[in-house]
Amino acid sequence: MAGHEEELIDIIAEEALIDRSKLVPSATLEDIGLDSVDLVSAVFAIEEKYGVEIAEDAFARTDTLGDVLAKLEALIEAKKD
């Protein structure tokens, strides 16, 4: 997953205005304070940067940041094929 992980974390931190140090893979979205509005903003930025389409309901509130990053990485890699 290391391919885009750092860039994805940077985008999430910037779009959601969350201290990057809080964005650890084991944290749930709720733990880091990533609400649905912040998540939508980050998703739009990621879609634009990588040219991928992410479903509105792709991420559950119980997902960890690591789960989210893995899903995003898979979408980005699938787009390359």
Protein backbone atom coordinates (compact mmCIF):
# COMPACT_ATOMS: atom_id res chain seq x y z
CA MET A 1 0.00 0.00 0.00
CA ALA A 2 2.95 2.32 0.39
CA GLY A 3 2.62 3.58 -3.19
CA HIS A 4 0.27 6.49 -2.51
CA GLU A 5 -0.24 6.28 1.25
CA GLU A 6 1.73 9.42 2.15
CA GLU A 7 0.04 11.50 -0.57
CA LEU A 8 -3.40 10.25 0.48
CA ILE A 9 -2.72 11.08 4.12
CA ASP A 10 -1.51 14.55 3.08
CA ILE A 11 -4.72 15.14 1.10
CA ILE A 12 -6.94 13.95 3.95
CA ALA A 13 -5.07 16.13 6.46
CA GLU A 14 -5.30 19.19 4.21
CA GLU A 15 -8.93 18.78 3.19
CA ALA A 16 -10.22 17.85 6.64
CA LEU A 17 -7.96 20.29 8.50
CA ILE A 18 -6.73 17.51 10.77
CA ASP A 19 -3.25 17.43 12.28
CA ARG A 20 -1.33 14.95 10.17
CA SER A 21 0.18 13.33 13.26
CA LYS A 22 -3.31 12.10 14.23
CA LEU A 23 -3.68 10.23 10.94
CA VAL A 24 -2.40 6.82 11.96
CA PRO A 25 -3.63 3.69 10.16
CA SER A 26 -5.08 2.09 13.31
CA ALA A 27 -7.34 5.07 14.14
CA THR A 28 -11.01 4.93 13.23
CA LEU A 29 -12.50 7.80 11.26
CA GLU A 30 -14.43 8.77 14.37
CA ASP A 31 -11.26 8.73 16.50
CA ILE A 32 -9.53 11.23 14.24
CA GLY A 33 -12.59 13.44 13.93
CA LEU A 34 -13.13 12.83 10.23
CA ASP A 35 -16.81 13.61 9.76
CA SER A 36 -18.83 12.98 6.63
CA VAL A 37 -18.34 16.52 5.26
CA ASP A 38 -14.57 16.28 5.71
CA LEU A 39 -14.54 12.84 4.14
CA VAL A 40 -16.51 14.04 1.10
CA SER A 41 -14.11 16.94 0.65
CA ALA A 42 -11.11 14.60 0.82
CA VAL A 43 -12.77 12.12 -1.55
CA PHE A 44 -13.39 14.85 -4.14
CA ALA A 45 -9.74 15.93 -3.96
CA ILE A 46 -8.55 12.32 -4.30
CA GLU A 47 -10.91 11.66 -7.22
CA GLU A 48 -9.60 14.75 -8.99
CA LYS A 49 -5.93 13.99 -8.37
CA TYR A 50 -6.03 10.31 -9.35
CA GLY A 51 -8.93 10.25 -11.83
CA VAL A 52 -10.84 7.62 -9.86
CA GLU A 53 -14.49 7.40 -8.90
CA ILE A 54 -15.28 6.65 -5.26
CA ALA A 55 -18.79 5.63 -4.21
CA GLU A 56 -20.51 7.86 -1.67
CA ASP A 57 -20.93 4.95 0.73
CA ALA A 58 -17.45 3.46 0.23
CA PHE A 59 -16.37 4.09 3.80
CA ALA A 60 -18.12 3.24 7.06
CA ARG A 61 -17.65 5.22 10.25
CA THR A 62 -16.13 2.11 11.80
CA ASP A 63 -13.43 1.88 9.15
CA THR A 64 -9.91 2.57 10.29
CA LEU A 65 -7.79 5.02 8.38
CA GLY A 66 -5.75 2.01 7.25
CA ASP A 67 -8.92 0.45 5.76
CA VAL A 68 -9.70 3.69 3.94
CA LEU A 69 -6.15 3.97 2.61
CA ALA A 70 -6.21 0.35 1.41
CA LYS A 71 -9.52 0.91 -0.41
CA LEU A 72 -8.24 4.10 -2.01
CA GLU A 73 -4.98 2.43 -3.03
CA ALA A 74 -6.92 -0.44 -4.64
CA LEU A 75 -9.07 2.03 -6.61
CA ILE A 76 -6.01 3.93 -7.79
CA GLU A 77 -4.21 0.74 -8.81
CA ALA A 78 -7.30 -0.60 -10.60
CA LYS A 79 -7.48 2.64 -12.59
CA LYS A 80 -3.97 2.00 -13.93
CA ASP A 81 -5.04 -1.28 -15.56
